[in-house]
PDB file of N, CA and C in Angstrom:
ATOM      1  N   UNK A   1       0.517 -11.065 -25.020  1.00  0.00           N
ATOM      2  CA  UNK A   1      -0.207 -12.264 -23.215  1.00  0.00           C
ATOM      3  C   UNK A   1      -0.149 -11.292 -22.524  1.00  0.00           C
ATOM      4  N   UNK A   2      -1.680 -10.949 -21.687  1.00  0.00           N
ATOM      5  CA  UNK A   2      -1.873 -10.326 -20.642  1.00  0.00           C
ATOM      6  C   UNK A   2      -1.773 -11.400 -19.454  1.00  0.00           C
ATOM      7  N   UNK A   3      -0.671 -10.612 -18.279  1.00  0.00           N
ATOM      8  CA  UNK A   3       0.167 -10.796 -17.534  1.00  0.00           C
ATOM      9  C   UNK A   3      -0.827 -10.393 -15.877  1.00  0.00           C
ATOM     10  N   UNK A   4      -0.540 -10.805 -14.740  1.00  0.00           N
ATOM     11  CA  UNK A   4      -1.115 -10.654 -13.987  1.00  0.00           C
ATOM     12  C   UNK A   4       0.128  -9.568 -13.181  1.00  0.00           C
ATOM     13  N   UNK A   5      -0.812  -8.466 -13.381  1.00  0.00           N
ATOM     14  CA  UNK A   5       0.247  -7.734 -12.579  1.00  0.00           C
ATOM     15  C   UNK A   5      -0.181  -6.719 -11.268  1.00  0.00           C
ATOM     16  N   UNK A   6       0.979  -6.526 -10.191  1.00  0.00           N
ATOM     17  CA  UNK A   6       0.348  -5.346  -9.300  1.00  0.00           C
ATOM     18  C   UNK A   6      -0.964  -4.881  -8.915  1.00  0.00           C
ATOM     19  N   UNK A   7      -1.066  -4.267  -8.318  1.00  0.00           N
ATOM     20  CA  UNK A   7      -2.491  -2.985  -8.367  1.00  0.00           C
ATOM     21  C   UNK A   7      -1.999  -2.503  -6.981  1.00  0.00           C
ATOM     22  N   UNK A   8      -2.912  -1.401  -7.363  1.00  0.00           N
ATOM     23  CA  UNK A   8      -3.332  -0.410  -5.954  1.00  0.00           C
ATOM     24  C   UNK A   8      -3.767  -0.439  -5.003  1.00  0.00           C
ATOM     25  N   UNK A   9      -3.467  -1.438  -4.324  1.00  0.00           N
ATOM     26  CA  UNK A   9      -3.813  -1.994  -2.315  1.00  0.00           C
ATOM     27  C   UNK A   9      -4.579  -1.487  -1.720  1.00  0.00           C
ATOM     28  N   UNK A  10      -3.685  -0.641  -0.958  1.00  0.00           N
ATOM     29  CA  UNK A  10      -3.963   0.269  -0.912  1.00  0.00           C
ATOM     30  C   UNK A  10      -3.137   1.246  -0.924  1.00  0.00           C
ATOM     31  N   UNK A  11      -3.850   3.275   0.162  1.00  0.00           N
ATOM     32  CA  UNK A  11      -2.844   4.328  -0.431  1.00  0.00           C
ATOM     33  C   UNK A  11      -2.470   4.434   1.018  1.00  0.00           C
ATOM     34  N   UNK A  12      -1.088   4.926   1.766  1.00  0.00           N
ATOM     35  CA  UNK A  12      -1.197   5.612   3.161  1.00  0.00           C
ATOM     36  C   UNK A  12      -0.751   6.509   3.091  1.00  0.00           C
ATOM     37  N   UNK A  13      -1.380   7.099   3.976  1.00  0.00           N
ATOM     38  CA  UNK A  13      -1.536   8.898   4.027  1.00  0.00           C
ATOM     39  C   UNK A  13      -1.161   9.061   5.091  1.00  0.00           C
ATOM     40  N   UNK A  14       0.042  10.441   5.613  1.00  0.00           N
ATOM     41  CA  UNK A  14       0.513  10.847   7.478  1.00  0.00           C
ATOM     42  C   UNK A  14      -0.711  11.711   7.742  1.00  0.00           C
ATOM     43  N   UNK A  15      -1.132  11.145   9.196  1.00  0.00           N
ATOM     44  CA  UNK A  15      -2.070  12.506   9.477  1.00  0.00           C
ATOM     45  C   UNK A  15      -1.314  12.751  10.367  1.00  0.00           C
ATOM     46  N   UNK A  16      -1.961  13.980  11.333  1.00  0.00           N
ATOM     47  CA  UNK A  16      -1.793  13.770  12.702  1.00  0.00           C
ATOM     48  C   UNK A  16      -2.767  13.767  13.705  1.00  0.00           C
ATOM     49  N   UNK A  17      -4.404  13.552  13.091  1.00  0.00           N
ATOM     50  CA  UNK A  17      -5.330  12.972  13.455  1.00  0.00           C
ATOM     51  C   UNK A  17      -6.318  12.039  12.976  1.00  0.00           C
ATOM     52  N   UNK A  18      -5.796  10.591  13.454  1.00  0.00           N
ATOM     53  CA  UNK A  18      -6.357  10.114  12.467  1.00  0.00           C
ATOM     54  C   UNK A  18      -8.058   9.487  12.805  1.00  0.00           C
ATOM     55  N   UNK A  19      -9.095   9.902  13.732  1.00  0.00           N
ATOM     56  CA  UNK A  19      -9.877  10.188  13.678  1.00  0.00           C
ATOM     57  C   UNK A  19     -10.658  10.992  13.157  1.00  0.00           C
ATOM     58  N   UNK A  20      -9.751  12.200  13.133  1.00  0.00           N
ATOM     59  CA  UNK A  20     -10.251  13.466  12.316  1.00  0.00           C
ATOM     60  C   UNK A  20     -10.123  13.667  10.826  1.00  0.00           C
ATOM     61  N   UNK A  21      -9.540  12.760  10.019  1.00  0.00           N
ATOM     62  CA  UNK A  21      -9.033  12.789   9.093  1.00  0.00           C
ATOM     63  C   UNK A  21      -9.592  11.073   7.686  1.00  0.00           C
ATOM     64  N   UNK A  22     -10.750  10.208   9.175  1.00  0.00           N
ATOM     65  CA  UNK A  22     -11.153   9.529   9.467  1.00  0.00           C
ATOM     66  C   UNK A  22     -13.007   9.245   9.190  1.00  0.00           C
ATOM     67  N   UNK A  23     -12.715  11.012  10.017  1.00  0.00           N
ATOM     68  CA  UNK A  23     -14.514  11.552   9.151  1.00  0.00           C
ATOM     69  C   UNK A  23     -14.251  11.901   7.921  1.00  0.00           C
ATOM     70  N   UNK A  24     -13.153  12.647   7.601  1.00  0.00           N
ATOM     71  CA  UNK A  24     -13.093  13.235   6.204  1.00  0.00           C
ATOM     72  C   UNK A  24     -13.149  12.847   5.449  1.00  0.00           C
ATOM     73  N   UNK A  25     -12.484  11.771   5.630  1.00  0.00           N
ATOM     74  CA  UNK A  25     -11.899  10.732   3.875  1.00  0.00           C
ATOM     75  C   UNK A  25     -13.608   9.591   4.244  1.00  0.00           C
ATOM     76  N   UNK A  26     -14.394   9.273   4.598  1.00  0.00           N
ATOM     77  CA  UNK A  26     -15.133   8.064   4.928  1.00  0.00           C
ATOM     78  C   UNK A  26     -16.469   9.376   4.337  1.00  0.00           C
ATOM     79  N   UNK A  27     -16.849  10.437   4.494  1.00  0.00           N
ATOM     80  CA  UNK A  27     -17.712  11.287   3.893  1.00  0.00           C
ATOM     81  C   UNK A  27     -16.907  12.123   2.330  1.00  0.00           C
ATOM     82  N   UNK A  28     -16.189  11.604   1.772  1.00  0.00           N
ATOM     83  CA  UNK A  28     -14.981  12.071   1.366  1.00  0.00           C
ATOM     84  C   UNK A  28     -15.816  10.948  -0.500  1.00  0.00           C
ATOM     85  N   UNK A  29     -15.506   9.846  -0.066  1.00  0.00           N
ATOM     86  CA  UNK A  29     -15.821   8.974  -0.605  1.00  0.00           C
ATOM     87  C   UNK A  29     -16.234   7.932  -0.443  1.00  0.00           C
ATOM     88  N   UNK A  30     -16.876   7.933   0.533  1.00  0.00           N
ATOM     89  CA  UNK A  30     -17.818   6.810   0.714  1.00  0.00           C
ATOM     90  C   UNK A  30     -16.740   5.777   0.927  1.00  0.00           C
ATOM     91  N   UNK A  31     -16.286   6.281   2.238  1.00  0.00           N
ATOM     92  CA  UNK A  31     -15.623   4.783   2.920  1.00  0.00           C
ATOM     93  C   UNK A  31     -16.413   3.941   4.104  1.00  0.00           C
ATOM     94  N   UNK A  32     -16.092   3.141   4.067  1.00  0.00           N
ATOM     95  CA  UNK A  32     -16.156   2.560   5.484  1.00  0.00           C
ATOM     96  C   UNK A  32     -14.688   2.313   6.792  1.00  0.00           C
ATOM     97  N   UNK A  33     -15.274   1.977   7.819  1.00  0.00           N
ATOM     98  CA  UNK A  33     -13.891   1.433   8.725  1.00  0.00           C
ATOM     99  C   UNK A  33     -14.111   0.287   8.136  1.00  0.00           C
ATOM    100  N   UNK A  34     -12.669  -0.735   7.931  1.00  0.00           N
ATOM    101  CA  UNK A  34     -12.241  -1.626   7.948  1.00  0.00           C
ATOM    102  C   UNK A  34     -11.883  -2.414   8.851  1.00  0.00           C
ATOM    103  N   UNK A  35     -12.801  -3.558   9.433  1.00  0.00           N
ATOM    104  CA  UNK A  35     -12.423  -4.454  10.685  1.00  0.00           C
ATOM    105  C   UNK A  35     -13.160  -3.608  11.601  1.00  0.00           C
ATOM    106  N   UNK A  36     -13.490  -2.067  11.648  1.00  0.00           N
ATOM    107  CA  UNK A  36     -14.195  -1.547  13.089  1.00  0.00           C
ATOM    108  C   UNK A  36     -12.774  -0.905  13.151  1.00  0.00           C
ATOM    109  N   UNK A  37     -12.117  -0.356  12.308  1.00  0.00           N
ATOM    110  CA  UNK A  37     -10.940   0.177  12.624  1.00  0.00           C
ATOM    111  C   UNK A  37     -10.338   1.755  11.912  1.00  0.00           C
ATOM    112  N   UNK A  38     -11.114   2.060  12.433  1.00  0.00           N
ATOM    113  CA  UNK A  38     -10.597   3.379  12.225  1.00  0.00           C
ATOM    114  C   UNK A  38      -9.691   4.209  10.925  1.00  0.00           C
ATOM    115  N   UNK A  39      -8.711   3.512  11.104  1.00  0.00           N
ATOM    116  CA  UNK A  39      -7.186   3.868  10.879  1.00  0.00           C
ATOM    117  C   UNK A  39      -7.576   3.291   9.391  1.00  0.00           C
ATOM    118  N   UNK A  40      -8.307   2.519   9.351  1.00  0.00           N
ATOM    119  CA  UNK A  40      -8.442   1.312   7.882  1.00  0.00           C
ATOM    120  C   UNK A  40      -9.745   2.074   6.924  1.00  0.00           C
ATOM    121  N   UNK A  41     -10.009   2.330   5.925  1.00  0.00           N
ATOM    122  CA  UNK A  41     -10.271   2.985   5.662  1.00  0.00           C
ATOM    123  C   UNK A  41     -10.487   1.707   3.732  1.00  0.00           C
ATOM    124  N   UNK A  42     -12.589   1.033   3.523  1.00  0.00           N
ATOM    125  CA  UNK A  42     -12.562   0.439   2.375  1.00  0.00           C
ATOM    126  C   UNK A  42     -13.193   0.974   1.703  1.00  0.00           C
ATOM    127  N   UNK A  43     -13.566   0.765   0.501  1.00  0.00           N
ATOM    128  CA  UNK A  43     -14.870   1.412  -0.081  1.00  0.00           C
ATOM    129  C   UNK A  43     -16.467   0.905   0.134  1.00  0.00           C
ATOM    130  N   UNK A  44     -17.391   0.857   0.290  1.00  0.00           N
ATOM    131  CA  UNK A  44     -18.555   0.599   1.528  1.00  0.00           C
ATOM    132  C   UNK A  44     -18.792  -0.388  -0.108  1.00  0.00           C
ATOM    133  N   UNK A  45     -18.846  -0.236  -1.444  1.00  0.00           N
ATOM    134  CA  UNK A  45     -19.318  -0.894  -2.653  1.00  0.00           C
ATOM    135  C   UNK A  45     -18.787  -2.366  -2.606  1.00  0.00           C
ATOM    136  N   UNK A  46     -17.155  -2.155  -1.754  1.00  0.00           N
ATOM    137  CA  UNK A  46     -15.816  -3.292  -1.840  1.00  0.00           C
ATOM    138  C   UNK A  46     -14.407  -3.281  -3.078  1.00  0.00           C
ATOM    139  N   UNK A  47     -15.570  -2.009  -3.615  1.00  0.00           N
ATOM    140  CA  UNK A  47     -14.236  -1.463  -4.673  1.00  0.00           C
ATOM    141  C   UNK A  47     -13.690  -0.231  -5.163  1.00  0.00           C
ATOM    142  N   UNK A  48     -12.337  -0.948  -5.267  1.00  0.00           N
ATOM    143  CA  UNK A  48     -11.193   0.395  -4.635  1.00  0.00           C
ATOM    144  C   UNK A  48     -10.196  -0.054  -4.154  1.00  0.00           C
ATOM    145  N   UNK A  49      -9.288   0.467  -4.382  1.00  0.00           N
ATOM    146  CA  UNK A  49      -8.376   0.062  -3.250  1.00  0.00           C
ATOM    147  C   UNK A  49      -8.639   0.598  -1.723  1.00  0.00           C
ATOM    148  N   UNK A  50      -8.192   0.771  -0.144  1.00  0.00           N
ATOM    149  CA  UNK A  50      -7.992   1.099   1.135  1.00  0.00           C
ATOM    150  C   UNK A  50      -7.271   1.800   1.231  1.00  0.00           C
ATOM    151  N   UNK A  51      -7.872   3.255   1.608  1.00  0.00           N
ATOM    152  CA  UNK A  51      -7.122   4.093   2.205  1.00  0.00           C
ATOM    153  C   UNK A  51      -6.684   3.832   4.340  1.00  0.00           C
ATOM    154  N   UNK A  52      -5.308   4.056   4.293  1.00  0.00           N
ATOM    155  CA  UNK A  52      -5.229   3.597   5.664  1.00  0.00           C
ATOM    156  C   UNK A  52      -4.011   5.014   6.234  1.00  0.00           C
ATOM    157  N   UNK A  53      -4.322   5.180   7.357  1.00  0.00           N
ATOM    158  CA  UNK A  53      -4.640   6.611   7.826  1.00  0.00           C
ATOM    159  C   UNK A  53      -3.030   6.414   9.410  1.00  0.00           C
ATOM    160  N   UNK A  54      -2.097   7.596   9.026  1.00  0.00           N
ATOM    161  CA  UNK A  54      -1.173   6.504  10.328  1.00  0.00           C
ATOM    162  C   UNK A  54      -0.110   7.803  10.569  1.00  0.00           C
ATOM    163  N   UNK A  55      -0.521   7.866  11.165  1.00  0.00           N
ATOM    164  CA  UNK A  55       1.057   9.289  11.517  1.00  0.00           C
ATOM    165  C   UNK A  55       1.528   8.814  11.746  1.00  0.00           C
ATOM    166  N   UNK A  56       2.010   7.897  11.591  1.00  0.00           N
ATOM    167  CA  UNK A  56       3.903   7.891  11.757  1.00  0.00           C
ATOM    168  C   UNK A  56       4.713   7.363  10.423  1.00  0.00           C
ATOM    169  N   UNK A  57       4.445   6.530   9.447  1.00  0.00           N
ATOM    170  CA  UNK A  57       4.151   6.093   8.382  1.00  0.00           C
ATOM    171  C   UNK A  57       4.386   7.023   7.240  1.00  0.00           C
ATOM    172  N   UNK A  58       5.073   7.801   6.003  1.00  0.00           N
ATOM    173  CA  UNK A  58       5.135   8.265   4.837  1.00  0.00           C
ATOM    174  C   UNK A  58       3.664   7.070   4.032  1.00  0.00           C
ATOM    175  N   UNK A  59       3.815   9.132   3.241  1.00  0.00           N
ATOM    176  CA  UNK A  59       2.140   8.635   2.424  1.00  0.00           C
ATOM    177  C   UNK A  59       3.384   8.262   1.498  1.00  0.00           C
ATOM    178  N   UNK A  60       2.574   7.289   0.507  1.00  0.00           N
ATOM    179  CA  UNK A  60       3.213   6.110  -0.197  1.00  0.00           C
ATOM    180  C   UNK A  60       2.040   4.627  -0.286  1.00  0.00           C
ATOM    181  N   UNK A  61       2.139   4.865  -1.815  1.00  0.00           N
ATOM    182  CA  UNK A  61       1.486   3.800  -2.208  1.00  0.00           C
ATOM    183  C   UNK A  61       1.863   1.612  -2.522  1.00  0.00           C
ATOM    184  N   UNK A  62       1.275   1.050  -1.611  1.00  0.00           N
ATOM    185  CA  UNK A  62       0.899  -0.754  -1.427  1.00  0.00           C
ATOM    186  C   UNK A  62       0.600  -0.778  -2.763  1.00  0.00           C
ATOM    187  N   UNK A  63       1.014  -1.625  -3.120  1.00  0.00           N
ATOM    188  CA  UNK A  63      -0.049  -2.476  -4.332  1.00  0.00           C
ATOM    189  C   UNK A  63       1.008  -4.822  -4.317  1.00  0.00           C
ATOM    190  N   UNK A  64       0.049  -4.519  -5.218  1.00  0.00           N
ATOM    191  CA  UNK A  64      -0.440  -5.654  -3.845  1.00  0.00           C
ATOM    192  C   UNK A  64      -0.177  -7.172  -4.569  1.00  0.00           C
ATOM    193  N   UNK A  65       0.431  -7.500  -5.100  1.00  0.00           N
ATOM    194  CA  UNK A  65       0.652  -8.575  -6.051  1.00  0.00           C
ATOM    195  C   UNK A  65      -0.065 -10.531  -4.694  1.00  0.00           C
ATOM    196  N   UNK A  66      -0.546 -11.493  -5.495  1.00  0.00           N
ATOM    197  CA  UNK A  66      -1.475 -12.030  -4.643  1.00  0.00           C
ATOM    198  C   UNK A  66      -0.551 -13.261  -3.776  1.00  0.00           C
ATOM    199  N   UNK A  67       1.003 -13.184  -4.475  1.00  0.00           N
ATOM    200  CA  UNK A  67       0.945 -14.029  -3.729  1.00  0.00           C
ATOM    201  C   UNK A  67       2.924 -14.237  -4.277  1.00  0.00           C
ATOM    202  N   UNK A  68       4.351 -14.472  -2.638  1.00  0.00           N
ATOM    203  CA  UNK A  68       5.386 -15.047  -2.509  1.00  0.00           C
ATOM    204  C   UNK A  68       6.318 -14.608  -3.406  1.00  0.00           C
ATOM    205  N   UNK A  69       5.426 -15.710  -4.981  1.00  0.00           N
ATOM    206  CA  UNK A  69       6.390 -15.387  -6.331  1.00  0.00           C
ATOM    207  C   UNK A  69       6.123 -14.354  -6.987  1.00  0.00           C
ATOM    208  N   UNK A  70       4.392 -14.101  -6.632  1.00  0.00           N
ATOM    209  CA  UNK A  70       3.932 -13.166  -7.700  1.00  0.00           C
ATOM    210  C   UNK A  70       4.995 -11.335  -7.109  1.00  0.00           C
ATOM    211  N   UNK A  71       5.124 -11.411  -5.717  1.00  0.00           N
ATOM    212  CA  UNK A  71       5.448 -10.047  -5.879  1.00  0.00           C
ATOM    213  C   UNK A  71       7.309 -10.062  -6.412  1.00  0.00           C
ATOM    214  N   UNK A  72       7.862 -11.049  -5.563  1.00  0.00           N
ATOM    215  CA  UNK A  72       9.237 -11.314  -6.488  1.00  0.00           C
ATOM    216  C   UNK A  72       8.708 -10.948  -7.654  1.00  0.00           C
ATOM    217  N   UNK A  73       8.123 -11.595  -8.832  1.00  0.00           N
ATOM    218  CA  UNK A  73       8.601 -11.387  -9.917  1.00  0.00           C
ATOM    219  C   UNK A  73       8.372  -9.941 -10.551  1.00  0.00           C
ATOM    220  N   UNK A  74       7.267  -9.433  -9.542  1.00  0.00           N
ATOM    221  CA  UNK A  74       6.954  -8.307  -9.485  1.00  0.00           C
ATOM    222  C   UNK A  74       8.439  -6.745  -8.635  1.00  0.00           C
ATOM    223  N   UNK A  75       8.763  -7.321  -8.041  1.00  0.00           N
ATOM    224  CA  UNK A  75       9.551  -6.610  -7.728  1.00  0.00           C
ATOM    225  C   UNK A  75      11.030  -6.769  -8.470  1.00  0.00           C
ATOM    226  N   UNK A  76      10.970  -8.109  -9.245  1.00  0.00           N
ATOM    227  CA  UNK A  76      12.798  -7.334 -10.382  1.00  0.00           C
ATOM    228  C   UNK A  76      12.119  -6.337 -11.279  1.00  0.00           C
ATOM    229  N   UNK A  77      10.431  -7.101 -12.118  1.00  0.00           N
ATOM    230  CA  UNK A  77       9.778  -6.554 -13.322  1.00  0.00           C
ATOM    231  C   UNK A  77      10.151  -4.799 -12.400  1.00  0.00           C
ATOM    232  N   UNK A  78       9.429  -4.426 -11.931  1.00  0.00           N
ATOM    233  CA  UNK A  78       9.899  -2.920 -11.404  1.00  0.00           C
ATOM    234  C   UNK A  78      11.212  -2.630 -11.601  1.00  0.00           C
ATOM    235  N   UNK A  79      12.159  -2.913 -10.975  1.00  0.00           N
ATOM    236  CA  UNK A  79      13.048  -2.401 -10.286  1.00  0.00           C
ATOM    237  C   UNK A  79      13.689  -2.650 -11.900  1.00  0.00           C
ATOM    238  N   UNK A  80      12.986  -3.749 -13.277  1.00  0.00           N
ATOM    239  CA  UNK A  80      13.869  -3.557 -14.914  1.00  0.00           C
ATOM    240  C   UNK A  80      13.388  -2.137 -15.169  1.00  0.00           C
ATOM    241  N   UNK A  81      12.066  -1.960 -14.699  1.00  0.00           N
ATOM    242  CA  UNK A  81      11.766  -0.238 -14.802  1.00  0.00           C
ATOM    243  C   UNK A  81      11.822   0.945 -14.900  1.00  0.00           C
ATOM    244  N   UNK A  82      13.367   1.166 -14.057  1.00  0.00           N
ATOM    245  CA  UNK A  82      13.730   2.109 -12.967  1.00  0.00           C
ATOM    246  C   UNK A  82      13.740   1.989 -11.676  1.00  0.00           C
ATOM    247  N   UNK A  83      12.771   1.066 -11.410  1.00  0.00           N
ATOM    248  CA  UNK A  83      12.698   1.410  -9.455  1.00  0.00           C
ATOM    249  C   UNK A  83      14.268   0.956  -9.128  1.00  0.00           C
ATOM    250  N   UNK A  84      14.015   1.362  -7.737  1.00  0.00           N
ATOM    251  CA  UNK A  84      15.466   0.937  -7.018  1.00  0.00           C
ATOM    252  C   UNK A  84      15.480   0.223  -5.354  1.00  0.00           C
ATOM    253  N   UNK A  85      15.234  -0.937  -5.539  1.00  0.00           N
ATOM    254  CA  UNK A  85      15.223  -1.688  -3.836  1.00  0.00           C
ATOM    255  C   UNK A  85      15.931  -0.608  -2.634  1.00  0.00           C
ATOM    256  N   UNK A  86      14.922   0.061  -1.514  1.00  0.00           N
ATOM    257  CA  UNK A  86      15.612   0.449  -0.778  1.00  0.00           C
ATOM    258  C   UNK A  86      16.514   0.236   0.257  1.00  0.00           C
ATOM    259  N   UNK A  87      17.419   0.221   0.205  1.00  0.00           N
ATOM    260  CA  UNK A  87      18.398  -0.969   0.967  1.00  0.00           C
ATOM    261  C   UNK A  87      18.837  -0.986   2.266  1.00  0.00           C
ATOM    262  N   UNK A  88      18.760   0.403   2.936  1.00  0.00           N
ATOM    263  CA  UNK A  88      18.479   0.173   4.642  1.00  0.00           C
ATOM    264  C   UNK A  88      17.446   0.578   4.878  1.00  0.00           C
ATOM    265  N   UNK A  89      15.836   0.306   4.779  1.00  0.00           N
ATOM    266  CA  UNK A  89      14.386  -0.212   4.899  1.00  0.00           C
ATOM    267  C   UNK A  89      15.061  -0.813   6.237  1.00  0.00           C
ATOM    268  N   UNK A  90      14.723  -0.710   7.161  1.00  0.00           N
ATOM    269  CA  UNK A  90      14.280  -1.676   8.945  1.00  0.00           C
ATOM    270  C   UNK A  90      13.369  -2.711   8.632  1.00  0.00           C
ATOM    271  N   UNK A  91      13.164  -3.394   8.236  1.00  0.00           N
ATOM    272  CA  UNK A  91      11.344  -4.523   8.333  1.00  0.00           C
ATOM    273  C   UNK A  91      11.621  -5.479   9.177  1.00  0.00           C
ATOM    274  N   UNK A  92      10.042  -5.495   9.653  1.00  0.00           N
ATOM    275  CA  UNK A  92      10.158  -6.225  11.488  1.00  0.00           C
ATOM    276  C   UNK A  92      10.379  -8.026  10.580  1.00  0.00           C
ATOM    277  N   UNK A  93      10.314  -8.835  11.377  1.00  0.00           N
ATOM    278  CA  UNK A  93      10.325 -10.318  10.711  1.00  0.00           C
ATOM    279  C   UNK A  93       9.539 -11.266  10.189  1.00  0.00           C
ATOM    280  N   UNK A  94       8.376 -10.548  10.503  1.00  0.00           N
ATOM    281  CA  UNK A  94       7.069 -11.169   9.346  1.00  0.00           C
ATOM    282  C   UNK A  94       6.857 -10.004   8.650  1.00  0.00           C
ATOM    283  N   UNK A  95       7.614  -8.929   7.940  1.00  0.00           N
ATOM    284  CA  UNK A  95       7.780  -8.714   6.770  1.00  0.00           C
ATOM    285  C   UNK A  95       7.271  -9.378   5.893  1.00  0.00           C
ATOM    286  N   UNK A  96       5.658  -8.252   5.179  1.00  0.00           N
ATOM    287  CA  UNK A  96       4.704  -9.555   3.501  1.00  0.00           C
ATOM    288  C   UNK A  96       5.662  -7.741   2.467  1.00  0.00           C
ATOM    289  N   UNK A  97       6.175  -7.709   2.613  1.00  0.00           N
ATOM    290  CA  UNK A  97       6.323  -6.385   2.059  1.00  0.00           C
ATOM    291  C   UNK A  97       7.509  -5.780   1.658  1.00  0.00           C
ATOM    292  N   UNK A  98       7.785  -5.725   0.003  1.00  0.00           N
ATOM    293  CA  UNK A  98       9.694  -4.804  -0.266  1.00  0.00           C
ATOM    294  C   UNK A  98       9.574  -3.553  -0.112  1.00  0.00           C
ATOM    295  N   UNK A  99       9.832  -3.082   0.193  1.00  0.00           N
ATOM    296  CA  UNK A  99       9.868  -1.345  -0.144  1.00  0.00           C
ATOM    297  C   UNK A  99      10.676  -0.941  -1.570  1.00  0.00           C
ATOM    298  N   UNK A 100      10.302  -0.043  -2.862  1.00  0.00           N
ATOM    299  CA  UNK A 100      11.389   0.080  -3.684  1.00  0.00           C
ATOM    300  C   UNK A 100      11.102   1.642  -3.124  1.00  0.00           C
ATOM    301  N   UNK A 101      12.190   2.419  -4.563  1.00  0.00           N
ATOM    302  CA  UNK A 101      11.793   3.942  -4.543  1.00  0.00           C
ATOM    303  C   UNK A 101      11.682   4.065  -5.933  1.00  0.00           C
ATOM    304  N   UNK A 102      10.549   4.681  -7.060  1.00  0.00           N
ATOM    305  CA  UNK A 102      10.320   5.307  -7.800  1.00  0.00           C
ATOM    306  C   UNK A 102      11.343   5.738  -8.936  1.00  0.00           C
ATOM    307  N   UNK A 103      11.561   6.117  -9.498  1.00  0.00           N
ATOM    308  CA  UNK A 103      13.144   6.985 -10.429  1.00  0.00           C
ATOM    309  C   UNK A 103      12.028   8.442  -9.773  1.00  0.00           C
ATOM    310  N   UNK A 104      12.110   9.146  -9.451  1.00  0.00           N
ATOM    311  CA  UNK A 104      11.765  10.200  -9.150  1.00  0.00           C
ATOM    312  C   UNK A 104      12.031   9.576  -7.657  1.00  0.00           C
ATOM    313  N   UNK A 105      12.565   8.499  -6.731  1.00  0.00           N
ATOM    314  CA  UNK A 105      12.579   8.954  -5.671  1.00  0.00           C
ATOM    315  C   UNK A 105      11.197   8.458  -4.469  1.00  0.00           C
ATOM    316  N   UNK A 106      10.225   7.766  -4.800  1.00  0.00           N
ATOM    317  CA  UNK A 106       9.046   8.569  -4.117  1.00  0.00           C
ATOM    318  C   UNK A 106       9.405   6.772  -4.021  1.00  0.00           C
ATOM    319  N   UNK A 107       8.432   6.840  -1.837  1.00  0.00           N
ATOM    320  CA  UNK A 107       8.453   5.142  -2.031  1.00  0.00           C
ATOM    321  C   UNK A 107       7.999   4.218  -2.020  1.00  0.00           C
ATOM    322  N   UNK A 108       7.242   3.543  -2.569  1.00  0.00           N
ATOM    323  CA  UNK A 108       6.471   2.395  -2.197  1.00  0.00           C
ATOM    324  C   UNK A 108       5.882   1.403  -2.109  1.00  0.00           C
ATOM    325  N   UNK A 109       5.399   0.560  -1.792  1.00  0.00           N
ATOM    326  CA  UNK A 109       5.575  -1.657  -1.411  1.00  0.00           C
ATOM    327  C   UNK A 109       5.244  -2.264  -2.060  1.00  0.00           C
ATOM    328  N   UNK A 110       6.259  -3.097  -2.174  1.00  0.00           N
ATOM    329  CA  UNK A 110       5.859  -4.584  -2.843  1.00  0.00           C
ATOM    330  C   UNK A 110       4.441  -4.557  -1.822  1.00  0.00           C
ATOM    331  N   UNK A 111       3.627  -5.887  -1.975  1.00  0.00           N
ATOM    332  CA  UNK A 111       2.690  -6.286  -0.714  1.00  0.00           C
ATOM    333  C   UNK A 111       2.797  -7.870  -1.245  1.00  0.00           C
ATOM    334  N   UNK A 112       2.902  -9.104  -0.242  1.00  0.00           N
ATOM    335  CA  UNK A 112       2.457 -10.115  -0.649  1.00  0.00           C
ATOM    336  C   UNK A 112       1.066  -9.926  -0.020  1.00  0.00           C
ATOM    337  N   UNK A 113       0.402 -10.228  -1.148  1.00  0.00           N
ATOM    338  CA  UNK A 113      -1.739  -9.815  -0.370  1.00  0.00           C
ATOM    339  C   UNK A 113      -2.011 -11.237   0.161  1.00  0.00           C
ATOM    340  N   UNK A 114      -1.268 -11.784  -0.356  1.00  0.00           N
ATOM    341  CA  UNK A 114      -2.033 -13.233  -0.103  1.00  0.00           C
ATOM    342  C   UNK A 114      -1.794 -13.605   1.347  1.00  0.00           C
ATOM    343  N   UNK A 115      -0.713 -13.549   2.245  1.00  0.00           N
ATOM    344  CA  UNK A 115      -0.603 -13.211   3.518  1.00  0.00           C
ATOM    345  C   UNK A 115      -1.011 -13.144   4.056  1.00  0.00           C
TER     346      UNK A 115
END
């Protein structure tokens, strides 16, 4: 039985100079600014994950779930596979993401992409 799963919706890269990194990654990947924002690059053809450039956030994957129910089901599934919740993460009040760590301690987020 085929079950909907999360997909890589975006990759967040830690960069020092957003404009310089944006210019490089746009040229390297054929991406364009999303919503006119040089820190959010999207595939020009619309296929593939976004690339988010951030001077403060850690490099990590954002896994997109269709809605909050799928998000919770995926968090539970990923935890059953060996991921762990990052309990000490400070979330904003309107957070649409849950921070997990993989079996090697690499952080990633499960996003409610329906929001």
